Amino acid sequence: MKKTYLLVTIAILSFGCLTLNPEAETGGGVTVTDPAQPIEVQAGESFDIVIASNPSTGYHWEIVGELTGVEFVLRDYKADEPVLTGSGGMDVWTFNALAAGETQITLGSFPPGVNVTDGEPEQTVTFKIVVK
């Protein structure tokens, strides 16, 4: 059990590090969003946040906190190529920009069986959004 937990923890930390690399791409060519760079959009436009993910581990990303000035549209998963059992990929989160201003979106990584309503994320990543 300890070995499994250790392996899952290492995998999550490895995938979490990918979110800090703006040059990282999946086999499908989807570029990871760099949280150090503000996302600039026009009011009324949609935009994506892309973050490394591996749902086969049971870990999952969720929105942490309230959204202001933007609305969540959908989340999609893009598997790395070639698609192999247990391999990871990218979560693609789509949002609409509603009104001019600055806001932020925080995503939290939750362990298997835990969600935003009943636990704390093990890791968070915050993205600054500038709506013009």
N, C-alpha and C. Protein backbone atom coordinates (compact mmCIF):
# COMPACT_ATOMS: atom_id res chain seq x y z
N MET A 1 0.83 -1.20 0.00
CA MET A 1 0.00 0.00 0.00
C MET A 1 0.87 1.26 0.00
N LYS A 2 1.95 1.24 0.82
CA LYS A 2 2.83 2.41 0.88
C LYS A 2 3.52 2.64 -0.46
N LYS A 3 3.88 1.55 -1.16
CA LYS A 3 4.53 1.69 -2.46
C LYS A 3 3.57 2.33 -3.47
N THR A 4 2.30 1.90 -3.45
CA THR A 4 1.30 2.45 -4.36
C THR A 4 1.11 3.94 -4.08
N TYR A 5 0.99 4.31 -2.81
CA TYR A 5 0.81 5.71 -2.45
C TYR A 5 2.01 6.53 -2.89
N LEU A 6 3.21 6.00 -2.69
CA LEU A 6 4.42 6.70 -3.09
C LEU A 6 4.46 6.91 -4.60
N LEU A 7 4.13 5.87 -5.36
CA LEU A 7 4.14 5.97 -6.81
C LEU A 7 3.11 6.98 -7.30
N VAL A 8 1.92 6.96 -6.72
CA VAL A 8 0.88 7.91 -7.11
C VAL A 8 1.32 9.33 -6.78
N THR A 9 1.92 9.52 -5.60
CA THR A 9 2.38 10.85 -5.20
C THR A 9 3.46 11.36 -6.16
N ILE A 10 4.40 10.50 -6.51
CA ILE A 10 5.46 10.90 -7.44
C ILE A 10 4.86 11.26 -8.79
N ALA A 11 3.90 10.45 -9.25
CA ALA A 11 3.27 10.73 -10.55
C ALA A 11 2.56 12.07 -10.54
N ILE A 12 1.82 12.36 -9.48
CA ILE A 12 1.08 13.62 -9.39
C ILE A 12 2.04 14.80 -9.33
N LEU A 13 3.09 14.68 -8.54
CA LEU A 13 4.06 15.77 -8.46
C LEU A 13 4.74 15.99 -9.80
N SER A 14 5.03 14.91 -10.51
CA SER A 14 5.65 15.03 -11.83
C SER A 14 4.72 15.74 -12.80
N PHE A 15 3.44 15.36 -12.80
CA PHE A 15 2.49 16.00 -13.70
C PHE A 15 2.26 17.45 -13.29
N GLY A 16 2.25 17.72 -11.99
CA GLY A 16 2.07 19.09 -11.52
C GLY A 16 3.18 20.00 -11.99
N CYS A 17 4.39 19.49 -12.07
CA CYS A 17 5.52 20.29 -12.55
C CYS A 17 5.33 20.69 -14.00
N LEU A 18 4.64 19.89 -14.77
CA LEU A 18 4.41 20.21 -16.18
C LEU A 18 3.64 21.51 -16.34
N THR A 19 2.79 21.84 -15.38
CA THR A 19 1.98 23.04 -15.51
C THR A 19 2.82 24.30 -15.46
N LEU A 20 4.07 24.20 -14.99
CA LEU A 20 4.93 25.36 -14.90
C LEU A 20 5.78 25.55 -16.15
N ASN A 21 5.65 24.67 -17.13
CA ASN A 21 6.47 24.73 -18.33
C ASN A 21 5.62 25.13 -19.53
N PRO A 22 5.73 26.39 -19.99
CA PRO A 22 4.88 26.84 -21.09
C PRO A 22 5.21 26.15 -22.41
N GLU A 23 6.38 25.51 -22.52
CA GLU A 23 6.77 24.84 -23.76
C GLU A 23 6.27 23.41 -23.83
N ALA A 24 5.77 22.87 -22.71
CA ALA A 24 5.36 21.47 -22.68
C ALA A 24 4.16 21.25 -23.58
N GLU A 25 4.20 20.16 -24.32
CA GLU A 25 3.08 19.79 -25.17
C GLU A 25 2.79 18.31 -25.00
N THR A 26 1.55 17.95 -25.26
CA THR A 26 1.20 16.55 -25.28
C THR A 26 1.50 16.03 -26.67
N GLY A 27 1.35 14.73 -26.85
CA GLY A 27 1.52 14.16 -28.18
C GLY A 27 0.53 14.73 -29.16
N GLY A 28 -0.61 15.21 -28.67
CA GLY A 28 -1.63 15.79 -29.54
C GLY A 28 -1.39 17.25 -29.86
N GLY A 29 -0.30 17.83 -29.32
CA GLY A 29 0.04 19.21 -29.63
C GLY A 29 -0.69 20.25 -28.81
N VAL A 30 -1.31 19.87 -27.69
CA VAL A 30 -2.00 20.82 -26.83
C VAL A 30 -0.97 21.41 -25.86
N THR A 31 -0.83 22.73 -25.84
CA THR A 31 0.17 23.38 -25.00
C THR A 31 -0.37 23.62 -23.60
N VAL A 32 0.43 23.27 -22.61
CA VAL A 32 0.08 23.48 -21.20
C VAL A 32 0.05 24.98 -20.92
N THR A 33 -0.95 25.43 -20.18
CA THR A 33 -1.07 26.84 -19.82
C THR A 33 -0.09 27.16 -18.70
N ASP A 34 0.65 28.25 -18.85
CA ASP A 34 1.64 28.67 -17.86
C ASP A 34 0.96 29.59 -16.84
N PRO A 35 0.85 29.17 -15.57
CA PRO A 35 0.19 30.02 -14.58
C PRO A 35 0.96 31.31 -14.27
N ALA A 36 2.22 31.39 -14.66
CA ALA A 36 3.00 32.60 -14.42
C ALA A 36 2.66 33.71 -15.42
N GLN A 37 1.97 33.37 -16.50
CA GLN A 37 1.61 34.35 -17.53
C GLN A 37 0.10 34.63 -17.47
N PRO A 38 -0.29 35.91 -17.36
CA PRO A 38 -1.73 36.22 -17.36
C PRO A 38 -2.38 35.80 -18.67
N ILE A 39 -3.62 35.38 -18.59
CA ILE A 39 -4.41 35.05 -19.77
C ILE A 39 -5.21 36.30 -20.11
N GLU A 40 -4.98 36.86 -21.30
CA GLU A 40 -5.68 38.08 -21.71
C GLU A 40 -6.70 37.76 -22.78
N VAL A 41 -7.95 38.16 -22.52
CA VAL A 41 -9.05 37.90 -23.46
C VAL A 41 -9.98 39.11 -23.51
N GLN A 42 -10.80 39.15 -24.53
CA GLN A 42 -11.83 40.18 -24.65
C GLN A 42 -13.12 39.68 -23.99
N ALA A 43 -13.89 40.60 -23.44
CA ALA A 43 -15.20 40.24 -22.89
C ALA A 43 -16.02 39.57 -23.98
N GLY A 44 -16.67 38.49 -23.66
CA GLY A 44 -17.48 37.75 -24.62
C GLY A 44 -16.74 36.60 -25.28
N GLU A 45 -15.42 36.55 -25.16
CA GLU A 45 -14.64 35.48 -25.76
C GLU A 45 -14.51 34.29 -24.80
N SER A 46 -14.26 33.14 -25.40
CA SER A 46 -13.97 31.96 -24.58
C SER A 46 -12.46 31.73 -24.59
N PHE A 47 -11.97 31.03 -23.59
CA PHE A 47 -10.55 30.72 -23.49
C PHE A 47 -10.39 29.38 -22.77
N ASP A 48 -9.23 28.77 -22.96
CA ASP A 48 -8.94 27.47 -22.37
C ASP A 48 -7.80 27.57 -21.37
N ILE A 49 -7.89 26.76 -20.33
CA ILE A 49 -6.77 26.50 -19.44
C ILE A 49 -6.46 25.02 -19.60
N VAL A 50 -5.21 24.70 -19.88
CA VAL A 50 -4.78 23.32 -20.11
C VAL A 50 -3.80 22.94 -19.02
N ILE A 51 -4.07 21.81 -18.36
CA ILE A 51 -3.25 21.37 -17.23
C ILE A 51 -3.02 19.86 -17.32
N ALA A 52 -1.81 19.43 -16.97
CA ALA A 52 -1.48 18.01 -17.02
C ALA A 52 -2.39 17.23 -16.07
N SER A 53 -2.81 16.05 -16.52
CA SER A 53 -3.75 15.24 -15.75
C SER A 53 -3.54 13.77 -16.07
N ASN A 54 -3.88 12.92 -15.11
CA ASN A 54 -3.85 11.48 -15.34
C ASN A 54 -4.99 10.85 -14.54
N PRO A 55 -6.19 10.82 -15.11
CA PRO A 55 -7.34 10.31 -14.37
C PRO A 55 -7.24 8.83 -13.99
N SER A 56 -6.34 8.09 -14.63
CA SER A 56 -6.21 6.67 -14.27
C SER A 56 -5.68 6.49 -12.85
N THR A 57 -5.09 7.55 -12.26
CA THR A 57 -4.59 7.47 -10.89
C THR A 57 -5.68 7.75 -9.87
N GLY A 58 -6.80 8.29 -10.33
CA GLY A 58 -7.87 8.68 -9.41
C GLY A 58 -7.77 10.14 -8.98
N TYR A 59 -6.62 10.75 -9.17
CA TYR A 59 -6.47 12.17 -8.88
C TYR A 59 -7.20 12.97 -9.95
N HIS A 60 -7.75 14.11 -9.54
CA HIS A 60 -8.53 14.91 -10.48
C HIS A 60 -8.46 16.38 -10.09
N TRP A 61 -8.60 17.24 -11.10
CA TRP A 61 -8.60 18.68 -10.90
C TRP A 61 -10.03 19.18 -10.77
N GLU A 62 -10.23 20.15 -9.87
CA GLU A 62 -11.53 20.81 -9.70
C GLU A 62 -11.31 22.29 -9.48
N ILE A 63 -12.31 23.09 -9.79
CA ILE A 63 -12.26 24.53 -9.54
C ILE A 63 -12.38 24.74 -8.03
N VAL A 64 -11.47 25.55 -7.50
CA VAL A 64 -11.48 25.86 -6.06
C VAL A 64 -11.87 27.33 -5.91
N GLY A 65 -12.89 27.59 -5.13
CA GLY A 65 -13.34 28.97 -4.91
C GLY A 65 -14.37 29.40 -5.94
N GLU A 66 -14.83 30.63 -5.77
CA GLU A 66 -15.86 31.19 -6.64
C GLU A 66 -15.24 31.80 -7.89
N LEU A 67 -15.98 31.75 -8.97
CA LEU A 67 -15.57 32.40 -10.21
C LEU A 67 -16.26 33.76 -10.30
N THR A 68 -15.50 34.80 -10.63
CA THR A 68 -16.09 36.12 -10.86
C THR A 68 -15.58 36.65 -12.19
N GLY A 69 -16.48 37.18 -12.98
CA GLY A 69 -16.12 37.76 -14.26
C GLY A 69 -15.92 36.74 -15.38
N VAL A 70 -15.97 35.47 -15.04
CA VAL A 70 -15.85 34.39 -16.02
C VAL A 70 -16.84 33.30 -15.65
N GLU A 71 -17.19 32.48 -16.63
CA GLU A 71 -18.05 31.33 -16.33
C GLU A 71 -17.44 30.07 -16.92
N PHE A 72 -17.57 28.99 -16.16
CA PHE A 72 -17.09 27.69 -16.60
C PHE A 72 -18.02 27.16 -17.68
N VAL A 73 -17.45 26.63 -18.78
CA VAL A 73 -18.24 26.08 -19.87
C VAL A 73 -18.15 24.56 -19.88
N LEU A 74 -16.93 24.03 -19.99
CA LEU A 74 -16.76 22.57 -20.00
C LEU A 74 -15.33 22.18 -19.74
N ARG A 75 -15.17 20.91 -19.38
CA ARG A 75 -13.84 20.31 -19.21
C ARG A 75 -13.76 19.11 -20.13
N ASP A 76 -12.65 19.01 -20.86
CA ASP A 76 -12.43 17.90 -21.77
C ASP A 76 -11.07 17.29 -21.43
N TYR A 77 -10.88 16.03 -21.77
CA TYR A 77 -9.62 15.35 -21.51
C TYR A 77 -9.01 14.93 -22.84
N LYS A 78 -7.74 15.24 -23.04
CA LYS A 78 -6.99 14.86 -24.23
C LYS A 78 -5.87 13.94 -23.79
N ALA A 79 -5.94 12.66 -24.18
CA ALA A 79 -4.91 11.69 -23.81
C ALA A 79 -3.64 11.93 -24.61
N ASP A 80 -2.49 11.68 -23.96
CA ASP A 80 -1.22 11.74 -24.66
C ASP A 80 -1.20 10.66 -25.74
N GLU A 81 -0.45 10.93 -26.80
CA GLU A 81 -0.28 9.96 -27.89
C GLU A 81 1.08 9.30 -27.77
N PRO A 82 1.23 8.03 -27.94
CA PRO A 82 0.15 7.08 -28.17
C PRO A 82 -0.62 6.83 -26.88
N VAL A 83 -1.89 6.49 -27.01
CA VAL A 83 -2.73 6.23 -25.86
C VAL A 83 -2.36 4.85 -25.31
N LEU A 84 -1.86 4.85 -24.07
CA LEU A 84 -1.48 3.62 -23.40
C LEU A 84 -2.17 3.55 -22.05
N THR A 85 -2.44 2.35 -21.59
CA THR A 85 -3.07 2.17 -20.29
C THR A 85 -2.22 2.83 -19.21
N GLY A 86 -2.82 3.70 -18.42
CA GLY A 86 -2.13 4.36 -17.33
C GLY A 86 -1.38 5.62 -17.72
N SER A 87 -1.33 5.92 -19.02
CA SER A 87 -0.62 7.14 -19.43
C SER A 87 -1.48 8.36 -19.16
N GLY A 88 -0.86 9.49 -19.11
CA GLY A 88 -1.57 10.71 -18.78
C GLY A 88 -2.04 11.47 -20.00
N GLY A 89 -2.34 12.73 -19.75
CA GLY A 89 -2.80 13.60 -20.80
C GLY A 89 -3.02 14.99 -20.25
N MET A 90 -3.99 15.69 -20.81
CA MET A 90 -4.27 17.07 -20.42
C MET A 90 -5.77 17.27 -20.21
N ASP A 91 -6.10 17.97 -19.12
CA ASP A 91 -7.45 18.48 -18.94
C ASP A 91 -7.51 19.82 -19.64
N VAL A 92 -8.52 20.04 -20.46
CA VAL A 92 -8.73 21.31 -21.14
C VAL A 92 -10.00 21.93 -20.56
N TRP A 93 -9.83 23.00 -19.81
CA TRP A 93 -10.93 23.70 -19.16
C TRP A 93 -11.31 24.91 -20.02
N THR A 94 -12.57 25.02 -20.42
CA THR A 94 -13.04 26.13 -21.24
C THR A 94 -13.91 27.05 -20.39
N PHE A 95 -13.63 28.35 -20.51
CA PHE A 95 -14.37 29.38 -19.77
C PHE A 95 -14.79 30.47 -20.75
N ASN A 96 -15.84 31.22 -20.38
CA ASN A 96 -16.25 32.43 -21.10
C ASN A 96 -15.89 33.63 -20.25
N ALA A 97 -15.32 34.66 -20.89
CA ALA A 97 -15.04 35.92 -20.21
C ALA A 97 -16.31 36.76 -20.26
N LEU A 98 -16.80 37.19 -19.11
CA LEU A 98 -18.08 37.89 -19.05
C LEU A 98 -17.96 39.40 -19.07
N ALA A 99 -17.04 39.95 -18.29
CA ALA A 99 -16.95 41.41 -18.17
C ALA A 99 -15.51 41.83 -17.98
N ALA A 100 -15.21 43.06 -18.39
CA ALA A 100 -13.86 43.59 -18.26
C ALA A 100 -13.43 43.62 -16.80
N GLY A 101 -12.15 43.36 -16.59
CA GLY A 101 -11.58 43.39 -15.25
C GLY A 101 -10.57 42.28 -15.09
N GLU A 102 -10.04 42.16 -13.88
CA GLU A 102 -9.08 41.10 -13.57
C GLU A 102 -9.70 40.14 -12.56
N THR A 103 -9.40 38.87 -12.75
CA THR A 103 -9.89 37.84 -11.84
C THR A 103 -8.87 36.72 -11.81
N GLN A 104 -9.18 35.68 -11.09
CA GLN A 104 -8.31 34.51 -11.08
C GLN A 104 -9.14 33.25 -11.04
N ILE A 105 -8.53 32.19 -11.55
CA ILE A 105 -9.14 30.86 -11.50
C ILE A 105 -8.14 29.95 -10.82
N THR A 106 -8.58 29.27 -9.76
CA THR A 106 -7.72 28.34 -9.04
C THR A 106 -8.24 26.93 -9.26
N LEU A 107 -7.35 26.04 -9.69
CA LEU A 107 -7.66 24.63 -9.83
C LEU A 107 -6.91 23.87 -8.76
N GLY A 108 -7.60 22.91 -8.14
CA GLY A 108 -6.98 22.10 -7.10
C GLY A 108 -6.93 20.64 -7.52
N SER A 109 -5.84 19.97 -7.18
CA SER A 109 -5.69 18.54 -7.45
C SER A 109 -6.13 17.77 -6.21
N PHE A 110 -7.16 16.93 -6.39
CA PHE A 110 -7.73 16.18 -5.28
C PHE A 110 -7.42 14.69 -5.43
N PRO A 111 -7.16 14.02 -4.29
CA PRO A 111 -6.88 12.59 -4.34
C PRO A 111 -8.15 11.79 -4.64
N PRO A 112 -8.00 10.53 -4.95
CA PRO A 112 -9.16 9.68 -5.24
C PRO A 112 -10.19 9.74 -4.10
N GLY A 113 -11.45 9.88 -4.47
CA GLY A 113 -12.54 9.86 -3.50
C GLY A 113 -12.76 11.16 -2.75
N VAL A 114 -11.98 12.18 -2.99
CA VAL A 114 -12.12 13.46 -2.31
C VAL A 114 -12.48 14.51 -3.35
N ASN A 115 -13.40 15.41 -2.99
CA ASN A 115 -13.73 16.50 -3.91
C ASN A 115 -13.75 17.82 -3.16
N VAL A 116 -14.03 18.88 -3.88
CA VAL A 116 -13.95 20.23 -3.33
C VAL A 116 -14.93 20.46 -2.17
N THR A 117 -16.02 19.73 -2.12
CA THR A 117 -17.00 19.93 -1.05
C THR A 117 -16.66 19.19 0.24
N ASP A 118 -15.77 18.20 0.17
CA ASP A 118 -15.48 17.45 1.40
C ASP A 118 -14.00 17.29 1.71
N GLY A 119 -13.15 18.09 1.10
CA GLY A 119 -11.73 17.98 1.40
C GLY A 119 -10.92 19.11 0.81
N GLU A 120 -9.64 19.08 1.13
CA GLU A 120 -8.71 20.08 0.64
C GLU A 120 -7.87 19.50 -0.49
N PRO A 121 -7.53 20.32 -1.48
CA PRO A 121 -6.66 19.84 -2.55
C PRO A 121 -5.24 19.61 -2.03
N GLU A 122 -4.55 18.68 -2.65
CA GLU A 122 -3.15 18.45 -2.29
C GLU A 122 -2.24 19.45 -2.98
N GLN A 123 -2.73 20.06 -4.06
CA GLN A 123 -1.95 21.02 -4.82
C GLN A 123 -2.93 21.99 -5.46
N THR A 124 -2.55 23.25 -5.58
CA THR A 124 -3.37 24.21 -6.31
C THR A 124 -2.52 24.96 -7.32
N VAL A 125 -3.17 25.40 -8.38
CA VAL A 125 -2.54 26.23 -9.41
C VAL A 125 -3.52 27.37 -9.70
N THR A 126 -3.01 28.61 -9.64
CA THR A 126 -3.87 29.78 -9.86
C THR A 126 -3.45 30.50 -11.14
N PHE A 127 -4.46 30.82 -11.94
CA PHE A 127 -4.27 31.50 -13.21
C PHE A 127 -4.89 32.89 -13.12
N LYS A 128 -4.13 33.92 -13.51
CA LYS A 128 -4.64 35.29 -13.55
C LYS A 128 -5.29 35.53 -14.90
N ILE A 129 -6.51 36.07 -14.87
CA ILE A 129 -7.27 36.33 -16.09
C ILE A 129 -7.49 37.85 -16.19
N VAL A 130 -7.13 38.41 -17.35
CA VAL A 130 -7.35 39.83 -17.63
C VAL A 130 -8.35 39.91 -18.77
N VAL A 131 -9.54 40.44 -18.46
CA VAL A 131 -10.59 40.59 -19.46
C VAL A 131 -10.65 42.05 -19.87
N LYS A 132 -10.52 42.29 -21.17
CA LYS A 132 -10.51 43.68 -21.69
C LYS A 132 -11.84 44.06 -22.27
